[in-house]
Amino acid sequence: MDPSPDPDDPFHGFMSPMLRDQTRFEPDSDLRGVARFRRALRKEDQDALDDLLVSIDNQWHLRAQASHLTPLEFMLMALLIEEHKLLVDLRRKVDALASASQTD
């Protein structure tokens, strides 16, 4: 069962329970700053941040192997990995389009 919403947790409701449990938004944690930062963003930027955080949901199984990192450091590393995967995919697509246009 989903716990009661925390009024100070702007991420409540969009994160999977696993992600929420792993990050443990506690008042004094490094991640509380992320929550304050998110609240200060425009709605479209909040949505973009939400998308980024959801994209790392599949990385949480690695958390035990990165126990020396803070939750924020782990999230940033996972975000870098996910964003790099997107960049590599886009590069491949651009290269494929460039190759196709050169052969035409």
PDB file of N, CA and C in Angstrom:
ATOM      1  N   MET A   1       0.845  -1.189   0.000  1.00  0.00           N
ATOM      2  CA  MET A   1       0.000   0.000   0.000  1.00  0.00           C
ATOM      3  C   MET A   1       0.883   1.242   0.000  1.00  0.00           C
ATOM      4  N   ASP A   2       0.521   2.246  -0.781  1.00  0.00           N
ATOM      5  CA  ASP A   2       1.278   3.479  -0.887  1.00  0.00           C
ATOM      6  C   ASP A   2       1.104   4.295   0.389  1.00  0.00           C
ATOM      7  N   PRO A   3       2.216   4.784   0.977  1.00  0.00           N
ATOM      8  CA  PRO A   3       2.091   5.569   2.205  1.00  0.00           C
ATOM      9  C   PRO A   3       1.382   6.888   1.941  1.00  0.00           C
ATOM     10  N   SER A   4       0.911   7.511   3.019  1.00  0.00           N
ATOM     11  CA  SER A   4       0.247   8.803   2.895  1.00  0.00           C
ATOM     12  C   SER A   4       1.195   9.812   2.279  1.00  0.00           C
ATOM     13  N   PRO A   5       0.665  10.713   1.438  1.00  0.00           N
ATOM     14  CA  PRO A   5       1.529  11.710   0.817  1.00  0.00           C
ATOM     15  C   PRO A   5       2.185  12.605   1.851  1.00  0.00           C
ATOM     16  N   ASP A   6       3.441  12.864   1.652  1.00  0.00           N
ATOM     17  CA  ASP A   6       4.186  13.791   2.484  1.00  0.00           C
ATOM     18  C   ASP A   6       4.087  15.159   1.813  1.00  0.00           C
ATOM     19  N   PRO A   7       3.537  16.177   2.471  1.00  0.00           N
ATOM     20  CA  PRO A   7       3.378  17.478   1.828  1.00  0.00           C
ATOM     21  C   PRO A   7       4.708  18.101   1.414  1.00  0.00           C
ATOM     22  N   ASP A   8       5.797  17.684   2.039  1.00  0.00           N
ATOM     23  CA  ASP A   8       7.112  18.214   1.686  1.00  0.00           C
ATOM     24  C   ASP A   8       7.805  17.380   0.620  1.00  0.00           C
ATOM     25  N   ASP A   9       7.160  16.368   0.105  1.00  0.00           N
ATOM     26  CA  ASP A   9       7.754  15.486  -0.902  1.00  0.00           C
ATOM     27  C   ASP A   9       7.073  15.712  -2.249  1.00  0.00           C
ATOM     28  N   PRO A  10       7.622  16.630  -3.061  1.00  0.00           N
ATOM     29  CA  PRO A  10       6.989  16.913  -4.341  1.00  0.00           C
ATOM     30  C   PRO A  10       7.099  15.760  -5.326  1.00  0.00           C
ATOM     31  N   PHE A  11       7.913  14.750  -5.026  1.00  0.00           N
ATOM     32  CA  PHE A  11       8.070  13.618  -5.916  1.00  0.00           C
ATOM     33  C   PHE A  11       7.032  12.543  -5.664  1.00  0.00           C
ATOM     34  N   HIS A  12       6.265  12.667  -4.582  1.00  0.00           N
ATOM     35  CA  HIS A  12       5.278  11.650  -4.263  1.00  0.00           C
ATOM     36  C   HIS A  12       4.250  11.561  -5.386  1.00  0.00           C
ATOM     37  N   GLY A  13       4.011  10.351  -5.846  1.00  0.00           N
ATOM     38  CA  GLY A  13       2.995  10.153  -6.860  1.00  0.00           C
ATOM     39  C   GLY A  13       3.550   9.865  -8.242  1.00  0.00           C
ATOM     40  N   PHE A  14       4.774  10.315  -8.542  1.00  0.00           N
ATOM     41  CA  PHE A  14       5.285  10.005  -9.864  1.00  0.00           C
ATOM     42  C   PHE A  14       6.358   8.934  -9.825  1.00  0.00           C
ATOM     43  N   MET A  15       7.028   8.781  -8.710  1.00  0.00           N
ATOM     44  CA  MET A  15       8.065   7.759  -8.612  1.00  0.00           C
ATOM     45  C   MET A  15       7.437   6.419  -8.268  1.00  0.00           C
ATOM     46  N   SER A  16       8.050   5.368  -8.766  1.00  0.00           N
ATOM     47  CA  SER A  16       7.583   4.047  -8.377  1.00  0.00           C
ATOM     48  C   SER A  16       7.877   3.860  -6.892  1.00  0.00           C
ATOM     49  N   PRO A  17       7.143   2.994  -6.226  1.00  0.00           N
ATOM     50  CA  PRO A  17       7.424   2.762  -4.811  1.00  0.00           C
ATOM     51  C   PRO A  17       8.871   2.337  -4.567  1.00  0.00           C
ATOM     52  N   MET A  18       9.445   1.544  -5.493  1.00  0.00           N
ATOM     53  CA  MET A  18      10.829   1.106  -5.312  1.00  0.00           C
ATOM     54  C   MET A  18      11.778   2.293  -5.321  1.00  0.00           C
ATOM     55  N   LEU A  19      11.603   3.205  -6.266  1.00  0.00           N
ATOM     56  CA  LEU A  19      12.462   4.375  -6.348  1.00  0.00           C
ATOM     57  C   LEU A  19      12.283   5.252  -5.125  1.00  0.00           C
ATOM     58  N   ARG A  20      11.033   5.457  -4.708  1.00  0.00           N
ATOM     59  CA  ARG A  20      10.777   6.281  -3.528  1.00  0.00           C
ATOM     60  C   ARG A  20      11.410   5.666  -2.297  1.00  0.00           C
ATOM     61  N   ASP A  21      11.283   4.343  -2.143  1.00  0.00           N
ATOM     62  CA  ASP A  21      11.844   3.680  -0.970  1.00  0.00           C
ATOM     63  C   ASP A  21      13.365   3.776  -0.958  1.00  0.00           C
ATOM     64  N   GLN A  22      13.977   3.640  -2.120  1.00  0.00           N
ATOM     65  CA  GLN A  22      15.434   3.671  -2.197  1.00  0.00           C
ATOM     66  C   GLN A  22      15.987   5.065  -1.924  1.00  0.00           C
ATOM     67  N   THR A  23      15.277   6.102  -2.359  1.00  0.00           N
ATOM     68  CA  THR A  23      15.807   7.448  -2.175  1.00  0.00           C
ATOM     69  C   THR A  23      15.517   7.986  -0.787  1.00  0.00           C
ATOM     70  N   ARG A  24      14.475   7.499  -0.150  1.00  0.00           N
ATOM     71  CA  ARG A  24      14.128   7.903   1.217  1.00  0.00           C
ATOM     72  C   ARG A  24      14.230   9.415   1.404  1.00  0.00           C
ATOM     73  N   PHE A  25      13.251  10.125   0.901  1.00  0.00           N
ATOM     74  CA  PHE A  25      13.249  11.575   1.030  1.00  0.00           C
ATOM     75  C   PHE A  25      13.043  11.947   2.486  1.00  0.00           C
ATOM     76  N   GLU A  26      14.140  12.163   3.173  1.00  0.00           N
ATOM     77  CA  GLU A  26      14.105  12.558   4.569  1.00  0.00           C
ATOM     78  C   GLU A  26      14.468  14.040   4.651  1.00  0.00           C
ATOM     79  N   PRO A  27      13.952  14.741   5.633  1.00  0.00           N
ATOM     80  CA  PRO A  27      14.183  16.187   5.699  1.00  0.00           C
ATOM     81  C   PRO A  27      15.640  16.605   5.608  1.00  0.00           C
ATOM     82  N   ASP A  28      16.567  15.842   6.168  1.00  0.00           N
ATOM     83  CA  ASP A  28      17.956  16.268   6.182  1.00  0.00           C
ATOM     84  C   ASP A  28      18.810  15.600   5.109  1.00  0.00           C
ATOM     85  N   SER A  29      18.206  14.854   4.223  1.00  0.00           N
ATOM     86  CA  SER A  29      18.992  14.160   3.213  1.00  0.00           C
ATOM     87  C   SER A  29      19.423  15.117   2.108  1.00  0.00           C
ATOM     88  N   ASP A  30      20.430  14.705   1.350  1.00  0.00           N
ATOM     89  CA  ASP A  30      20.876  15.476   0.188  1.00  0.00           C
ATOM     90  C   ASP A  30      19.737  15.673  -0.793  1.00  0.00           C
ATOM     91  N   LEU A  31      18.829  14.712  -0.844  1.00  0.00           N
ATOM     92  CA  LEU A  31      17.758  14.759  -1.830  1.00  0.00           C
ATOM     93  C   LEU A  31      16.685  15.782  -1.495  1.00  0.00           C
ATOM     94  N   ARG A  32      16.648  16.241  -0.263  1.00  0.00           N
ATOM     95  CA  ARG A  32      15.677  17.286   0.089  1.00  0.00           C
ATOM     96  C   ARG A  32      15.969  18.529  -0.746  1.00  0.00           C
ATOM     97  N   GLY A  33      17.241  18.784  -1.013  1.00  0.00           N
ATOM     98  CA  GLY A  33      17.601  19.910  -1.873  1.00  0.00           C
ATOM     99  C   GLY A  33      17.063  19.740  -3.278  1.00  0.00           C
ATOM    100  N   VAL A  34      17.030  18.503  -3.768  1.00  0.00           N
ATOM    101  CA  VAL A  34      16.460  18.238  -5.087  1.00  0.00           C
ATOM    102  C   VAL A  34      14.974  18.559  -5.064  1.00  0.00           C
ATOM    103  N   ALA A  35      14.303  18.203  -3.988  1.00  0.00           N
ATOM    104  CA  ALA A  35      12.870  18.480  -3.879  1.00  0.00           C
ATOM    105  C   ALA A  35      12.615  19.988  -3.865  1.00  0.00           C
ATOM    106  N   ARG A  36      13.428  20.730  -3.125  1.00  0.00           N
ATOM    107  CA  ARG A  36      13.270  22.187  -3.101  1.00  0.00           C
ATOM    108  C   ARG A  36      13.561  22.774  -4.480  1.00  0.00           C
ATOM    109  N   PHE A  37      14.604  22.264  -5.127  1.00  0.00           N
ATOM    110  CA  PHE A  37      14.966  22.709  -6.470  1.00  0.00           C
ATOM    111  C   PHE A  37      13.811  22.452  -7.430  1.00  0.00           C
ATOM    112  N   ARG A  38      13.209  21.265  -7.348  1.00  0.00           N
ATOM    113  CA  ARG A  38      12.111  20.913  -8.242  1.00  0.00           C
ATOM    114  C   ARG A  38      10.938  21.870  -8.063  1.00  0.00           C
ATOM    115  N   ARG A  39      10.624  22.187  -6.819  1.00  0.00           N
ATOM    116  CA  ARG A  39       9.506  23.096  -6.551  1.00  0.00           C
ATOM    117  C   ARG A  39       9.729  24.467  -7.182  1.00  0.00           C
ATOM    118  N   ALA A  40      10.992  24.904  -7.269  1.00  0.00           N
ATOM    119  CA  ALA A  40      11.311  26.221  -7.820  1.00  0.00           C
ATOM    120  C   ALA A  40      11.253  26.255  -9.346  1.00  0.00           C
ATOM    121  N   LEU A  41      11.218  25.088  -9.973  1.00  0.00           N
ATOM    122  CA  LEU A  41      11.206  25.022 -11.437  1.00  0.00           C
ATOM    123  C   LEU A  41       9.836  25.366 -12.009  1.00  0.00           C
ATOM    124  N   ARG A  42       9.849  25.828 -13.263  1.00  0.00           N
ATOM    125  CA  ARG A  42       8.589  25.997 -13.987  1.00  0.00           C
ATOM    126  C   ARG A  42       7.993  24.609 -14.213  1.00  0.00           C
ATOM    127  N   LYS A  43       6.699  24.565 -14.459  1.00  0.00           N
ATOM    128  CA  LYS A  43       5.990  23.286 -14.623  1.00  0.00           C
ATOM    129  C   LYS A  43       6.641  22.426 -15.699  1.00  0.00           C
ATOM    130  N   GLU A  44       6.978  22.999 -16.854  1.00  0.00           N
ATOM    131  CA  GLU A  44       7.575  22.203 -17.932  1.00  0.00           C
ATOM    132  C   GLU A  44       8.944  21.646 -17.530  1.00  0.00           C
ATOM    133  N   ASP A  45       9.682  22.408 -16.716  1.00  0.00           N
ATOM    134  CA  ASP A  45      10.969  21.921 -16.246  1.00  0.00           C
ATOM    135  C   ASP A  45      10.799  20.862 -15.158  1.00  0.00           C
ATOM    136  N   GLN A  46       9.757  21.001 -14.342  1.00  0.00           N
ATOM    137  CA  GLN A  46       9.447  19.954 -13.366  1.00  0.00           C
ATOM    138  C   GLN A  46       9.140  18.656 -14.094  1.00  0.00           C
ATOM    139  N   ASP A  47       8.365  18.755 -15.176  1.00  0.00           N
ATOM    140  CA  ASP A  47       8.032  17.562 -15.962  1.00  0.00           C
ATOM    141  C   ASP A  47       9.291  16.926 -16.536  1.00  0.00           C
ATOM    142  N   ALA A  48      10.214  17.761 -17.020  1.00  0.00           N
ATOM    143  CA  ALA A  48      11.469  17.243 -17.578  1.00  0.00           C
ATOM    144  C   ALA A  48      12.288  16.543 -16.492  1.00  0.00           C
ATOM    145  N   LEU A  49      12.366  17.148 -15.310  1.00  0.00           N
ATOM    146  CA  LEU A  49      13.091  16.528 -14.200  1.00  0.00           C
ATOM    147  C   LEU A  49      12.421  15.215 -13.804  1.00  0.00           C
ATOM    148  N   ASP A  50      11.099  15.210 -13.758  1.00  0.00           N
ATOM    149  CA  ASP A  50      10.365  13.988 -13.424  1.00  0.00           C
ATOM    150  C   ASP A  50      10.699  12.883 -14.426  1.00  0.00           C
ATOM    151  N   ASP A  51      10.721  13.234 -15.718  1.00  0.00           N
ATOM    152  CA  ASP A  51      11.064  12.255 -16.757  1.00  0.00           C
ATOM    153  C   ASP A  51      12.465  11.691 -16.541  1.00  0.00           C
ATOM    154  N   LEU A  52      13.411  12.571 -16.196  1.00  0.00           N
ATOM    155  CA  LEU A  52      14.783  12.110 -15.944  1.00  0.00           C
ATOM    156  C   LEU A  52      14.825  11.129 -14.777  1.00  0.00           C
ATOM    157  N   LEU A  53      14.144  11.479 -13.705  1.00  0.00           N
ATOM    158  CA  LEU A  53      14.176  10.615 -12.522  1.00  0.00           C
ATOM    159  C   LEU A  53      13.476   9.289 -12.777  1.00  0.00           C
ATOM    160  N   VAL A  54      12.405   9.313 -13.538  1.00  0.00           N
ATOM    161  CA  VAL A  54      11.717   8.066 -13.877  1.00  0.00           C
ATOM    162  C   VAL A  54      12.621   7.208 -14.768  1.00  0.00           C
ATOM    163  N   SER A  55      13.419   7.851 -15.639  1.00  0.00           N
ATOM    164  CA  SER A  55      14.281   7.092 -16.551  1.00  0.00           C
ATOM    165  C   SER A  55      15.337   6.273 -15.812  1.00  0.00           C
ATOM    166  N   ILE A  56      15.676   6.670 -14.596  1.00  0.00           N
ATOM    167  CA  ILE A  56      16.692   5.913 -13.860  1.00  0.00           C
ATOM    168  C   ILE A  56      16.089   4.823 -12.983  1.00  0.00           C
ATOM    169  N   ASP A  57      14.775   4.683 -13.019  1.00  0.00           N
ATOM    170  CA  ASP A  57      14.107   3.688 -12.175  1.00  0.00           C
ATOM    171  C   ASP A  57      14.670   2.288 -12.398  1.00  0.00           C
ATOM    172  N   ASN A  58      15.078   1.984 -13.635  1.00  0.00           N
ATOM    173  CA  ASN A  58      15.597   0.636 -13.912  1.00  0.00           C
ATOM    174  C   ASN A  58      17.048   0.461 -13.476  1.00  0.00           C
ATOM    175  N   GLN A  59      17.673   1.478 -12.913  1.00  0.00           N
ATOM    176  CA  GLN A  59      19.050   1.381 -12.431  1.00  0.00           C
ATOM    177  C   GLN A  59      19.142   1.039 -10.946  1.00  0.00           C
ATOM    178  N   TRP A  60      18.013   1.054 -10.231  1.00  0.00           N
ATOM    179  CA  TRP A  60      18.071   0.900  -8.784  1.00  0.00           C
ATOM    180  C   TRP A  60      18.550  -0.471  -8.334  1.00  0.00           C
ATOM    181  N   HIS A  61      18.481  -1.464  -9.210  1.00  0.00           N
ATOM    182  CA  HIS A  61      18.991  -2.778  -8.827  1.00  0.00           C
ATOM    183  C   HIS A  61      20.503  -2.733  -8.596  1.00  0.00           C
ATOM    184  N   LEU A  62      21.170  -1.699  -9.098  1.00  0.00           N
ATOM    185  CA  LEU A  62      22.623  -1.555  -8.926  1.00  0.00           C
ATOM    186  C   LEU A  62      22.999  -0.837  -7.639  1.00  0.00           C
ATOM    187  N   ARG A  63      22.031  -0.347  -6.908  1.00  0.00           N
ATOM    188  CA  ARG A  63      22.302   0.473  -5.722  1.00  0.00           C
ATOM    189  C   ARG A  63      23.183  -0.254  -4.705  1.00  0.00           C
ATOM    190  N   ALA A  64      22.986  -1.522  -4.525  1.00  0.00           N
ATOM    191  CA  ALA A  64      23.780  -2.266  -3.534  1.00  0.00           C
ATOM    192  C   ALA A  64      25.262  -2.284  -3.922  1.00  0.00           C
ATOM    193  N   GLN A  65      25.547  -2.332  -5.232  1.00  0.00           N
ATOM    194  CA  GLN A  65      26.936  -2.343  -5.679  1.00  0.00           C
ATOM    195  C   GLN A  65      27.564  -0.950  -5.605  1.00  0.00           C
ATOM    196  N   ALA A  66      26.762   0.065  -5.386  1.00  0.00           N
ATOM    197  CA  ALA A  66      27.265   1.436  -5.299  1.00  0.00           C
ATOM    198  C   ALA A  66      26.973   2.019  -3.923  1.00  0.00           C
ATOM    199  N   SER A  67      27.062   1.187  -2.914  1.00  0.00           N
ATOM    200  CA  SER A  67      26.690   1.625  -1.568  1.00  0.00           C
ATOM    201  C   SER A  67      27.613   2.714  -1.025  1.00  0.00           C
ATOM    202  N   HIS A  68      28.788   2.877  -1.625  1.00  0.00           N
ATOM    203  CA  HIS A  68      29.702   3.927  -1.180  1.00  0.00           C
ATOM    204  C   HIS A  68      29.265   5.312  -1.650  1.00  0.00           C
ATOM    205  N   LEU A  69      28.306   5.357  -2.596  1.00  0.00           N
ATOM    206  CA  LEU A  69      27.795   6.631  -3.101  1.00  0.00           C
ATOM    207  C   LEU A  69      26.598   7.088  -2.283  1.00  0.00           C
ATOM    208  N   THR A  70      26.444   8.387  -2.166  1.00  0.00           N
ATOM    209  CA  THR A  70      25.227   8.906  -1.536  1.00  0.00           C
ATOM    210  C   THR A  70      24.070   8.668  -2.507  1.00  0.00           C
ATOM    211  N   PRO A  71      22.836   8.719  -2.040  1.00  0.00           N
ATOM    212  CA  PRO A  71      21.706   8.561  -2.968  1.00  0.00           C
ATOM    213  C   PRO A  71      21.755   9.580  -4.113  1.00  0.00           C
ATOM    214  N   LEU A  72      22.144  10.807  -3.809  1.00  0.00           N
ATOM    215  CA  LEU A  72      22.216  11.828  -4.855  1.00  0.00           C
ATOM    216  C   LEU A  72      23.313  11.494  -5.868  1.00  0.00           C
ATOM    217  N   GLU A  73      24.472  11.072  -5.396  1.00  0.00           N
ATOM    218  CA  GLU A  73      25.555  10.684  -6.317  1.00  0.00           C
ATOM    219  C   GLU A  73      25.121   9.519  -7.196  1.00  0.00           C
ATOM    220  N   PHE A  74      24.450   8.553  -6.591  1.00  0.00           N
ATOM    221  CA  PHE A  74      23.974   7.412  -7.368  1.00  0.00           C
ATOM    222  C   PHE A  74      22.980   7.858  -8.435  1.00  0.00           C
ATOM    223  N   MET A  75      22.042   8.728  -8.052  1.00  0.00           N
ATOM    224  CA  MET A  75      21.061   9.216  -9.014  1.00  0.00           C
ATOM    225  C   MET A  75      21.738   9.953 -10.163  1.00  0.00           C
ATOM    226  N   LEU A  76      22.723  10.776  -9.846  1.00  0.00           N
ATOM    227  CA  LEU A  76      23.423  11.515 -10.900  1.00  0.00           C
ATOM    228  C   LEU A  76      24.177  10.577 -11.839  1.00  0.00           C
ATOM    229  N   MET A  77      24.821   9.564 -11.290  1.00  0.00           N
ATOM    230  CA  MET A  77      25.517   8.591 -12.146  1.00  0.00           C
ATOM    231  C   MET A  77      24.518   7.841 -13.021  1.00  0.00           C
ATOM    232  N   ALA A  78      23.404   7.432 -12.451  1.00  0.00           N
ATOM    233  CA  ALA A  78      22.387   6.719 -13.227  1.00  0.00           C
ATOM    234  C   ALA A  78      21.810   7.615 -14.321  1.00  0.00           C
ATOM    235  N   LEU A  79      21.617   8.898 -14.001  1.00  0.00           N
ATOM    236  CA  LEU A  79      21.130   9.837 -15.008  1.00  0.00           C
ATOM    237  C   LEU A  79      22.131   9.988 -16.150  1.00  0.00           C
ATOM    238  N   LEU A  80      23.411  10.091 -15.801  1.00  0.00           N
ATOM    239  CA  LEU A  80      24.441  10.198 -16.839  1.00  0.00           C
ATOM    240  C   LEU A  80      24.436   8.972 -17.747  1.00  0.00           C
ATOM    241  N   ILE A  81      24.293   7.813 -17.168  1.00  0.00           N
ATOM    242  CA  ILE A  81      24.251   6.576 -17.966  1.00  0.00           C
ATOM    243  C   ILE A  81      23.053   6.589 -18.902  1.00  0.00           C
ATOM    244  N   GLU A  82      21.872   6.906 -18.380  1.00  0.00           N
ATOM    245  CA  GLU A  82      20.669   6.913 -19.207  1.00  0.00           C
ATOM    246  C   GLU A  82      20.755   7.965 -20.307  1.00  0.00           C
ATOM    247  N   GLU A  83      21.244   9.150 -19.984  1.00  0.00           N
ATOM    248  CA  GLU A  83      21.370  10.200 -20.986  1.00  0.00           C
ATOM    249  C   GLU A  83      22.416   9.830 -22.041  1.00  0.00           C
ATOM    250  N   HIS A  84      23.496   9.186 -21.618  1.00  0.00           N
ATOM    251  CA  HIS A  84      24.517   8.774 -22.583  1.00  0.00           C
ATOM    252  C   HIS A  84      23.973   7.703 -23.533  1.00  0.00           C
ATOM    253  N   LYS A  85      23.179   6.794 -23.004  1.00  0.00           N
ATOM    254  CA  LYS A  85      22.567   5.779 -23.872  1.00  0.00           C
ATOM    255  C   LYS A  85      21.695   6.439 -24.938  1.00  0.00           C
ATOM    256  N   LEU A  86      20.946   7.470 -24.543  1.00  0.00           N
ATOM    257  CA  LEU A  86      20.124   8.196 -25.518  1.00  0.00           C
ATOM    258  C   LEU A  86      20.993   8.897 -26.554  1.00  0.00           C
ATOM    259  N   LEU A  87      22.076   9.499 -26.109  1.00  0.00           N
ATOM    260  CA  LEU A  87      22.986  10.192 -27.018  1.00  0.00           C
ATOM    261  C   LEU A  87      23.601   9.228 -28.030  1.00  0.00           C
ATOM    262  N   VAL A  88      24.047   8.080 -27.567  1.00  0.00           N
ATOM    263  CA  VAL A  88      24.630   7.076 -28.461  1.00  0.00           C
ATOM    264  C   VAL A  88      23.589   6.616 -29.482  1.00  0.00           C
ATOM    265  N   ASP A  89      22.366   6.394 -29.036  1.00  0.00           N
ATOM    266  CA  ASP A  89      21.290   5.981 -29.945  1.00  0.00           C
ATOM    267  C   ASP A  89      21.028   7.057 -31.000  1.00  0.00           C
ATOM    268  N   LEU A  90      20.987   8.314 -30.578  1.00  0.00           N
ATOM    269  CA  LEU A  90      20.770   9.406 -31.530  1.00  0.00           C
ATOM    270  C   LEU A  90      21.923   9.524 -32.525  1.00  0.00           C
ATOM    271  N   ARG A  91      23.157   9.339 -32.042  1.00  0.00           N
ATOM    272  CA  ARG A  91      24.314   9.376 -32.954  1.00  0.00           C
ATOM    273  C   ARG A  91      24.199   8.294 -34.018  1.00  0.00           C
ATOM    274  N   ARG A  92      23.810   7.101 -33.615  1.00  0.00           N
ATOM    275  CA  ARG A  92      23.644   6.004 -34.574  1.00  0.00           C
ATOM    276  C   ARG A  92      22.582   6.344 -35.621  1.00  0.00           C
ATOM    277  N   LYS A  93      21.481   6.910 -35.162  1.00  0.00           N
ATOM    278  CA  LYS A  93      20.406   7.282 -36.089  1.00  0.00           C
ATOM    279  C   LYS A  93      20.854   8.378 -37.051  1.00  0.00           C
ATOM    280  N   VAL A  94      21.562   9.371 -36.565  1.00  0.00           N
ATOM    281  CA  VAL A  94      22.070  10.453 -37.419  1.00  0.00           C
ATOM    282  C   VAL A  94      23.060   9.878 -38.434  1.00  0.00           C
ATOM    283  N   ASP A  95      23.961   9.018 -37.974  1.00  0.00           N
ATOM    284  CA  ASP A  95      24.930   8.397 -38.879  1.00  0.00           C
ATOM    285  C   ASP A  95      24.229   7.575 -39.951  1.00  0.00           C
ATOM    286  N   ALA A  96      23.195   6.831 -39.564  1.00  0.00           N
ATOM    287  CA  ALA A  96      22.452   6.021 -40.526  1.00  0.00           C
ATOM    288  C   ALA A  96      21.753   6.912 -41.546  1.00  0.00           C
ATOM    289  N   LEU A  97      21.176   8.022 -41.097  1.00  0.00           N
ATOM    290  CA  LEU A  97      20.528   8.952 -42.024  1.00  0.00           C
ATOM    291  C   LEU A  97      21.551   9.613 -42.942  1.00  0.00           C
ATOM    292  N   ALA A  98      22.696   9.966 -42.415  1.00  0.00           N
ATOM    293  CA  ALA A  98      23.746  10.575 -43.223  1.00  0.00           C
ATOM    294  C   ALA A  98      24.243   9.593 -44.281  1.00  0.00           C
ATOM    295  N   SER A  99      24.432   8.340 -43.887  1.00  0.00           N
ATOM    296  CA  SER A  99      24.879   7.313 -44.839  1.00  0.00           C
ATOM    297  C   SER A  99      23.847   7.100 -45.937  1.00  0.00           C
ATOM    298  N   ALA A 100      22.574   7.046 -45.538  1.00  0.00           N
ATOM    299  CA  ALA A 100      21.505   6.832 -46.515  1.00  0.00           C
ATOM    300  C   ALA A 100      21.405   7.994 -47.484  1.00  0.00           C
ATOM    301  N   SER A 101      21.608   9.206 -47.002  1.00  0.00           N
ATOM    302  CA  SER A 101      21.486  10.370 -47.891  1.00  0.00           C
ATOM    303  C   SER A 101      22.694  10.463 -48.832  1.00  0.00           C
ATOM    304  N   GLN A 102      23.842   9.956 -48.432  1.00  0.00           N
ATOM    305  CA  GLN A 102      25.037   9.982 -49.297  1.00  0.00           C
ATOM    306  C   GLN A 102      24.927   8.958 -50.419  1.00  0.00           C
ATOM    307  N   THR A 103      24.238   7.861 -50.179  1.00  0.00           N
ATOM    308  CA  THR A 103      24.111   6.819 -51.208  1.00  0.00           C
ATOM    309  C   THR A 103      23.002   7.136 -52.208  1.00  0.00           C
ATOM    310  N   ASP A 104      22.140   8.078 -51.870  1.00  0.00           N
ATOM    311  CA  ASP A 104      21.032   8.436 -52.788  1.00  0.00           C
ATOM    312  C   ASP A 104      21.476   9.336 -53.884  1.00  0.00           C
TER     313      ASP A 104
END
